[in-house]
Amino acid sequence: MSHRQLAPRVLQVFPTEKVRSALKTVFDNNVQRFGGGRMGAINGCKPGGAPDRTTVQSEEFWTGVSYALAANLLQEVSSRTFLSAAVSPCVSEPILHCRTC
């Protein structure tokens, strides 16, 4: 059951298809293009999918960013594929992805 079915009166600020399209774009560029999709979500990505190298933070993979992306994808798209690709690396691999913490 989706969140919209559970709470049908929740104000929808943006059109559903635009939200889904934006989330899919972020997933494709910030998760799938790096480390074979096994590293989580990179913080910064330029249009076209190149990593944003203007700051150290934009080149990092933060667990919270990956969890937030996965939660939004799960809520809006309802696909476990996104959840495992965005979150699994953060909890299963002993790699420090954050140099600025």
C-alpha atoms as a PDB file:
ATOM      1  CA  MET A   1       0.000   0.000   0.000  1.00  0.00           C
ATOM      2  CA  SER A   2       1.475   3.362  -0.992  1.00  0.00           C
ATOM      3  CA  HIS A   3       1.700   6.416   1.218  1.00  0.00           C
ATOM      4  CA  ARG A   4      -0.882   8.094  -1.032  1.00  0.00           C
ATOM      5  CA  GLN A   5      -3.372   5.323  -0.233  1.00  0.00           C
ATOM      6  CA  LEU A   6      -2.600   5.581   3.482  1.00  0.00           C
ATOM      7  CA  ALA A   7      -2.892   9.370   3.584  1.00  0.00           C
ATOM      8  CA  PRO A   8      -4.900  10.469   0.537  1.00  0.00           C
ATOM      9  CA  ARG A   9      -5.393  13.998   1.803  1.00  0.00           C
ATOM     10  CA  VAL A  10      -1.671  14.800   1.962  1.00  0.00           C
ATOM     11  CA  LEU A  11      -0.956  17.907  -0.076  1.00  0.00           C
ATOM     12  CA  GLN A  12       0.934  17.042  -3.236  1.00  0.00           C
ATOM     13  CA  VAL A  13       3.201  19.983  -4.024  1.00  0.00           C
ATOM     14  CA  PHE A  14       4.766  18.693  -7.260  1.00  0.00           C
ATOM     15  CA  PRO A  15       3.295  16.545 -10.036  1.00  0.00           C
ATOM     16  CA  THR A  16       3.972  12.849  -9.368  1.00  0.00           C
ATOM     17  CA  GLU A  17       5.528  12.165 -12.765  1.00  0.00           C
ATOM     18  CA  LYS A  18       7.970  15.079 -12.398  1.00  0.00           C
ATOM     19  CA  VAL A  19       9.022  13.816  -8.959  1.00  0.00           C
ATOM     20  CA  ARG A  20       9.514  10.274 -10.266  1.00  0.00           C
ATOM     21  CA  SER A  21      11.477  11.532 -13.263  1.00  0.00           C
ATOM     22  CA  ALA A  22      13.764  13.651 -11.077  1.00  0.00           C
ATOM     23  CA  LEU A  23      14.390  10.790  -8.635  1.00  0.00           C
ATOM     24  CA  LYS A  24      15.129   8.367 -11.466  1.00  0.00           C
ATOM     25  CA  THR A  25      17.593  10.867 -12.976  1.00  0.00           C
ATOM     26  CA  VAL A  26      19.378  11.274  -9.628  1.00  0.00           C
ATOM     27  CA  PHE A  27      19.462   7.486  -9.190  1.00  0.00           C
ATOM     28  CA  ASP A  28      20.808   6.908 -12.708  1.00  0.00           C
ATOM     29  CA  ASN A  29      23.468   9.643 -12.477  1.00  0.00           C
ATOM     30  CA  ASN A  30      24.444   9.623  -8.802  1.00  0.00           C
ATOM     31  CA  VAL A  31      24.180   5.901  -7.998  1.00  0.00           C
ATOM     32  CA  GLN A  32      24.417   3.803 -11.136  1.00  0.00           C
ATOM     33  CA  ARG A  33      27.341   5.628 -12.784  1.00  0.00           C
ATOM     34  CA  PHE A  34      29.751   5.152  -9.891  1.00  0.00           C
ATOM     35  CA  GLY A  35      31.367   1.908  -8.802  1.00  0.00           C
ATOM     36  CA  GLY A  36      28.922  -0.128 -10.837  1.00  0.00           C
ATOM     37  CA  GLY A  37      26.069   1.167  -8.682  1.00  0.00           C
ATOM     38  CA  ARG A  38      27.569  -0.459  -5.570  1.00  0.00           C
ATOM     39  CA  MET A  39      28.822   2.601  -3.683  1.00  0.00           C
ATOM     40  CA  GLY A  40      25.642   4.464  -2.769  1.00  0.00           C
ATOM     41  CA  ALA A  41      24.767   7.960  -3.998  1.00  0.00           C
ATOM     42  CA  ILE A  42      27.556  10.406  -4.787  1.00  0.00           C
ATOM     43  CA  ASN A  43      26.703  13.845  -3.393  1.00  0.00           C
ATOM     44  CA  GLY A  44      27.339  15.893  -6.521  1.00  0.00           C
ATOM     45  CA  CYS A  45      26.908  15.189 -10.181  1.00  0.00           C
ATOM     46  CA  LYS A  46      26.991  17.599 -13.112  1.00  0.00           C
ATOM     47  CA  PRO A  47      24.417  17.509 -15.903  1.00  0.00           C
ATOM     48  CA  GLY A  48      25.344  14.604 -18.125  1.00  0.00           C
ATOM     49  CA  GLY A  49      26.552  12.448 -15.236  1.00  0.00           C
ATOM     50  CA  ALA A  50      30.125  13.629 -14.631  1.00  0.00           C
ATOM     51  CA  PRO A  51      31.160  13.907 -10.968  1.00  0.00           C
ATOM     52  CA  ASP A  52      31.184  17.446  -9.613  1.00  0.00           C
ATOM     53  CA  ARG A  53      34.763  18.020  -8.545  1.00  0.00           C
ATOM     54  CA  THR A  54      34.373  21.628  -7.419  1.00  0.00           C
ATOM     55  CA  THR A  55      34.342  20.641  -3.730  1.00  0.00           C
ATOM     56  CA  VAL A  56      35.496  17.675  -1.675  1.00  0.00           C
ATOM     57  CA  GLN A  57      31.964  17.143  -0.336  1.00  0.00           C
ATOM     58  CA  SER A  58      30.450  16.740  -3.807  1.00  0.00           C
ATOM     59  CA  GLU A  59      32.810  13.828  -4.556  1.00  0.00           C
ATOM     60  CA  GLU A  60      31.825  11.907  -1.410  1.00  0.00           C
ATOM     61  CA  PHE A  61      29.250   9.234  -0.657  1.00  0.00           C
ATOM     62  CA  TRP A  62      27.362  10.018   2.543  1.00  0.00           C
ATOM     63  CA  THR A  63      25.214   7.348   4.144  1.00  0.00           C
ATOM     64  CA  GLY A  64      22.457   9.826   5.000  1.00  0.00           C
ATOM     65  CA  VAL A  65      22.212  11.052   1.410  1.00  0.00           C
ATOM     66  CA  SER A  66      21.938   7.478   0.140  1.00  0.00           C
ATOM     67  CA  TYR A  67      19.284   6.614   2.750  1.00  0.00           C
ATOM     68  CA  ALA A  68      17.273   9.754   1.921  1.00  0.00           C
ATOM     69  CA  LEU A  69      17.410   9.020  -1.801  1.00  0.00           C
ATOM     70  CA  ALA A  70      16.409   5.392  -1.230  1.00  0.00           C
ATOM     71  CA  ALA A  71      13.522   6.432   1.042  1.00  0.00           C
ATOM     72  CA  ASN A  72      12.211   8.897  -1.528  1.00  0.00           C
ATOM     73  CA  LEU A  73      12.535   6.351  -4.332  1.00  0.00           C
ATOM     74  CA  LEU A  74      10.778   3.706  -2.275  1.00  0.00           C
ATOM     75  CA  GLN A  75       7.987   6.139  -1.407  1.00  0.00           C
ATOM     76  CA  GLU A  76       7.484   7.537  -4.900  1.00  0.00           C
ATOM     77  CA  VAL A  77       8.432   4.643  -7.175  1.00  0.00           C
ATOM     78  CA  SER A  78       7.912   1.678  -4.825  1.00  0.00           C
ATOM     79  CA  SER A  79      10.810  -0.399  -6.125  1.00  0.00           C
ATOM     80  CA  ARG A  80      13.100  -2.467  -3.925  1.00  0.00           C
ATOM     81  CA  THR A  81      15.727  -2.333  -6.675  1.00  0.00           C
ATOM     82  CA  PHE A  82      16.382   1.281  -5.802  1.00  0.00           C
ATOM     83  CA  LEU A  83      16.495   0.536  -2.090  1.00  0.00           C
ATOM     84  CA  SER A  84      19.122  -2.162  -2.369  1.00  0.00           C
ATOM     85  CA  ALA A  85      21.275  -0.225  -4.843  1.00  0.00           C
ATOM     86  CA  ALA A  86      21.226   2.994  -2.836  1.00  0.00           C
ATOM     87  CA  VAL A  87      21.450   1.633   0.720  1.00  0.00           C
ATOM     88  CA  SER A  88      23.177  -1.765   0.701  1.00  0.00           C
ATOM     89  CA  PRO A  89      26.657  -0.374   0.049  1.00  0.00           C
ATOM     90  CA  CYS A  90      26.359   1.971   3.002  1.00  0.00           C
ATOM     91  CA  VAL A  91      25.718  -0.799   5.461  1.00  0.00           C
ATOM     92  CA  SER A  92      27.539  -3.772   3.960  1.00  0.00           C
ATOM     93  CA  GLU A  93      30.954  -2.519   2.834  1.00  0.00           C
ATOM     94  CA  PRO A  94      33.589  -1.380   5.319  1.00  0.00           C
ATOM     95  CA  ILE A  95      34.629   1.639   3.237  1.00  0.00           C
ATOM     96  CA  LEU A  96      34.793   5.179   4.594  1.00  0.00           C
ATOM     97  CA  HIS A  97      33.149   7.372   1.974  1.00  0.00           C
ATOM     98  CA  CYS A  98      33.335  10.630   3.895  1.00  0.00           C
ATOM     99  CA  ARG A  99      36.531  12.676   4.165  1.00  0.00           C
ATOM    100  CA  THR A 100      34.917  15.813   5.545  1.00  0.00           C
ATOM    101  CA  CYS A 101      32.954  14.388   8.498  1.00  0.00           C
END
